[in-house]
Amino acid sequence: MDDDFEIDSDEDLFRNPVYYEPAGCNLDLDRPDLGVPQGQDLLNVLLRMRGRVPVERRGLICPDCWDLRPS
């Protein structure tokens, strides 16, 4: 085992932002409501799709990738 390996603490973890195309906004993954109206319902829908529907078909994309897409 690598002696230099240290497990990140919860405070050190950073969640990447997620752009939600259908709503045209970023989701805040640190909030239970995702920072959007009816966010808890949206989270439940997205979680039910997990494993069955690919991420890109759920309307989720990295914001940096979204910015780089051709118009």
N, C-alpha and C. Protein backbone atom coordinates (compact mmCIF):
# COMPACT_ATOMS: atom_id res chain seq x y z
N MET A 1 0.85 -1.20 0.00
CA MET A 1 0.00 0.00 0.00
C MET A 1 0.88 1.24 0.00
N ASP A 2 0.44 2.26 -0.66
CA ASP A 2 1.19 3.50 -0.76
C ASP A 2 1.05 4.29 0.53
N ASP A 3 2.18 4.58 1.18
CA ASP A 3 2.15 5.31 2.45
C ASP A 3 1.75 6.76 2.28
N ASP A 4 1.89 7.31 1.04
CA ASP A 4 1.54 8.71 0.80
C ASP A 4 0.04 8.91 0.56
N PHE A 5 -0.70 7.82 0.40
CA PHE A 5 -2.13 7.91 0.12
C PHE A 5 -2.88 8.34 1.37
N GLU A 6 -3.70 9.38 1.22
CA GLU A 6 -4.54 9.83 2.32
C GLU A 6 -5.97 9.95 1.81
N ILE A 7 -6.89 9.48 2.60
CA ILE A 7 -8.30 9.58 2.24
C ILE A 7 -8.75 11.01 2.46
N ASP A 8 -9.46 11.55 1.46
CA ASP A 8 -9.99 12.92 1.58
C ASP A 8 -11.02 12.99 2.68
N SER A 9 -10.98 14.09 3.41
CA SER A 9 -12.03 14.32 4.40
C SER A 9 -13.24 14.87 3.66
N ASP A 10 -14.39 14.86 4.32
CA ASP A 10 -15.60 15.41 3.70
C ASP A 10 -15.40 16.87 3.32
N GLU A 11 -14.63 17.60 4.13
CA GLU A 11 -14.40 19.02 3.84
C GLU A 11 -13.55 19.21 2.60
N ASP A 12 -12.69 18.22 2.27
CA ASP A 12 -11.80 18.34 1.12
C ASP A 12 -12.46 17.92 -0.18
N LEU A 13 -13.59 17.24 -0.09
CA LEU A 13 -14.24 16.77 -1.31
C LEU A 13 -14.87 17.94 -2.05
N PHE A 14 -14.78 17.91 -3.36
CA PHE A 14 -15.39 18.94 -4.20
C PHE A 14 -16.29 18.24 -5.19
N ARG A 15 -17.50 18.66 -5.25
CA ARG A 15 -18.43 18.09 -6.22
C ARG A 15 -18.41 18.95 -7.46
N ASN A 16 -18.22 18.29 -8.58
CA ASN A 16 -18.24 19.01 -9.85
C ASN A 16 -19.64 19.52 -10.11
N PRO A 17 -19.75 20.73 -10.65
CA PRO A 17 -21.07 21.24 -11.00
C PRO A 17 -21.66 20.41 -12.14
N VAL A 18 -22.95 20.40 -12.22
CA VAL A 18 -23.65 19.67 -13.28
C VAL A 18 -24.64 20.63 -13.92
N TYR A 19 -24.56 20.74 -15.24
CA TYR A 19 -25.51 21.56 -16.00
C TYR A 19 -26.68 20.67 -16.39
N TYR A 20 -27.89 21.14 -16.13
CA TYR A 20 -29.09 20.40 -16.47
C TYR A 20 -29.74 21.08 -17.66
N GLU A 21 -29.58 20.47 -18.85
CA GLU A 21 -30.04 21.08 -20.10
C GLU A 21 -31.52 21.43 -20.13
N PRO A 22 -32.42 20.53 -19.70
CA PRO A 22 -33.85 20.87 -19.79
C PRO A 22 -34.23 22.15 -19.04
N ALA A 23 -33.57 22.43 -17.93
CA ALA A 23 -33.88 23.64 -17.16
C ALA A 23 -32.94 24.79 -17.51
N GLY A 24 -31.84 24.49 -18.21
CA GLY A 24 -30.89 25.54 -18.57
C GLY A 24 -30.17 26.14 -17.39
N CYS A 25 -29.82 25.30 -16.40
CA CYS A 25 -29.15 25.82 -15.21
C CYS A 25 -28.22 24.77 -14.61
N ASN A 26 -27.31 25.26 -13.75
CA ASN A 26 -26.45 24.35 -13.00
C ASN A 26 -27.20 23.83 -11.79
N LEU A 27 -26.92 22.58 -11.43
CA LEU A 27 -27.49 21.98 -10.23
C LEU A 27 -26.45 22.03 -9.13
N ASP A 28 -26.87 22.36 -7.93
CA ASP A 28 -25.99 22.41 -6.77
C ASP A 28 -26.10 21.08 -6.04
N LEU A 29 -25.12 20.20 -6.26
CA LEU A 29 -25.17 18.85 -5.70
C LEU A 29 -24.96 18.81 -4.20
N ASP A 30 -24.61 19.93 -3.59
CA ASP A 30 -24.45 19.99 -2.14
C ASP A 30 -25.77 20.28 -1.43
N ARG A 31 -26.82 20.57 -2.19
CA ARG A 31 -28.12 20.89 -1.60
C ARG A 31 -29.11 19.77 -1.88
N PRO A 32 -29.93 19.41 -0.91
CA PRO A 32 -30.91 18.34 -1.14
C PRO A 32 -31.94 18.69 -2.22
N ASP A 33 -32.16 20.00 -2.44
CA ASP A 33 -33.12 20.42 -3.48
C ASP A 33 -32.41 20.80 -4.78
N LEU A 34 -31.12 20.54 -4.86
CA LEU A 34 -30.28 20.83 -6.03
C LEU A 34 -30.24 22.31 -6.37
N GLY A 35 -30.82 23.15 -5.54
CA GLY A 35 -30.79 24.60 -5.77
C GLY A 35 -31.78 25.07 -6.81
N VAL A 36 -32.76 24.24 -7.14
CA VAL A 36 -33.78 24.61 -8.12
C VAL A 36 -35.16 24.30 -7.57
N PRO A 37 -36.21 24.99 -8.06
CA PRO A 37 -37.57 24.66 -7.63
C PRO A 37 -37.90 23.20 -7.94
N GLN A 38 -38.58 22.55 -7.05
CA GLN A 38 -38.94 21.14 -7.17
C GLN A 38 -37.70 20.25 -7.37
N GLY A 39 -36.56 20.70 -6.81
CA GLY A 39 -35.30 19.98 -6.96
C GLY A 39 -35.30 18.60 -6.35
N GLN A 40 -35.99 18.41 -5.22
CA GLN A 40 -36.04 17.08 -4.61
C GLN A 40 -36.77 16.10 -5.52
N ASP A 41 -37.84 16.56 -6.16
CA ASP A 41 -38.55 15.70 -7.11
C ASP A 41 -37.66 15.38 -8.31
N LEU A 42 -36.93 16.38 -8.80
CA LEU A 42 -36.01 16.18 -9.92
C LEU A 42 -34.94 15.16 -9.54
N LEU A 43 -34.38 15.31 -8.35
CA LEU A 43 -33.36 14.37 -7.90
C LEU A 43 -33.90 12.94 -7.87
N ASN A 44 -35.09 12.78 -7.38
CA ASN A 44 -35.70 11.44 -7.33
C ASN A 44 -35.87 10.86 -8.74
N VAL A 45 -36.30 11.67 -9.69
CA VAL A 45 -36.47 11.22 -11.07
C VAL A 45 -35.12 10.81 -11.65
N LEU A 46 -34.11 11.65 -11.47
CA LEU A 46 -32.79 11.36 -12.01
C LEU A 46 -32.19 10.10 -11.39
N LEU A 47 -32.40 9.92 -10.10
CA LEU A 47 -31.87 8.72 -9.44
C LEU A 47 -32.59 7.46 -9.92
N ARG A 48 -33.87 7.55 -10.19
CA ARG A 48 -34.60 6.39 -10.72
C ARG A 48 -34.08 5.99 -12.10
N MET A 49 -33.61 6.97 -12.87
CA MET A 49 -33.07 6.69 -14.21
C MET A 49 -31.68 6.05 -14.15
N ARG A 50 -30.99 6.24 -13.03
CA ARG A 50 -29.62 5.75 -12.90
C ARG A 50 -29.55 4.27 -13.23
N GLY A 51 -28.58 3.90 -14.04
CA GLY A 51 -28.39 2.51 -14.42
C GLY A 51 -29.24 2.08 -15.60
N ARG A 52 -30.24 2.86 -15.95
CA ARG A 52 -31.13 2.50 -17.08
C ARG A 52 -31.01 3.47 -18.23
N VAL A 53 -30.79 4.74 -17.92
CA VAL A 53 -30.74 5.79 -18.94
C VAL A 53 -29.36 6.45 -18.87
N PRO A 54 -28.62 6.50 -19.99
CA PRO A 54 -27.29 7.13 -19.97
C PRO A 54 -27.37 8.58 -19.51
N VAL A 55 -26.31 9.04 -18.87
CA VAL A 55 -26.26 10.39 -18.32
C VAL A 55 -26.62 11.44 -19.37
N GLU A 56 -26.05 11.31 -20.57
CA GLU A 56 -26.31 12.33 -21.60
C GLU A 56 -27.78 12.36 -22.02
N ARG A 57 -28.49 11.26 -21.88
CA ARG A 57 -29.92 11.25 -22.22
C ARG A 57 -30.77 11.77 -21.07
N ARG A 58 -30.17 11.93 -19.90
CA ARG A 58 -30.90 12.52 -18.77
C ARG A 58 -30.80 14.03 -18.78
N GLY A 59 -30.03 14.59 -19.72
CA GLY A 59 -29.90 16.05 -19.81
C GLY A 59 -28.82 16.61 -18.91
N LEU A 60 -27.91 15.77 -18.42
CA LEU A 60 -26.84 16.21 -17.53
C LEU A 60 -25.54 16.31 -18.30
N ILE A 61 -24.80 17.40 -18.06
CA ILE A 61 -23.52 17.59 -18.73
C ILE A 61 -22.63 18.48 -17.87
N CYS A 62 -21.34 18.29 -17.99
CA CYS A 62 -20.37 19.14 -17.32
C CYS A 62 -20.52 20.56 -17.88
N PRO A 63 -20.59 21.59 -17.02
CA PRO A 63 -20.76 22.97 -17.53
C PRO A 63 -19.64 23.39 -18.49
N ASP A 64 -18.40 22.96 -18.24
CA ASP A 64 -17.30 23.32 -19.14
C ASP A 64 -17.52 22.69 -20.51
N CYS A 65 -18.00 21.45 -20.52
CA CYS A 65 -18.28 20.77 -21.80
C CYS A 65 -19.41 21.48 -22.53
N TRP A 66 -20.41 21.92 -21.78
CA TRP A 66 -21.54 22.64 -22.38
C TRP A 66 -21.04 23.90 -23.08
N ASP A 67 -20.14 24.63 -22.40
CA ASP A 67 -19.62 25.87 -22.97
C ASP A 67 -18.80 25.63 -24.23
N LEU A 68 -18.19 24.45 -24.36
CA LEU A 68 -17.34 24.15 -25.50
C LEU A 68 -18.11 23.58 -26.69
N ARG A 69 -19.37 23.24 -26.49
CA ARG A 69 -20.16 22.67 -27.59
C ARG A 69 -20.42 23.72 -28.65
N PRO A 70 -20.39 23.29 -29.92
CA PRO A 70 -20.71 24.26 -30.99
C PRO A 70 -22.17 24.68 -30.91
N SER A 71 -22.42 25.91 -31.22
CA SER A 71 -23.80 26.45 -31.14
C SER A 71 -24.65 25.96 -32.28
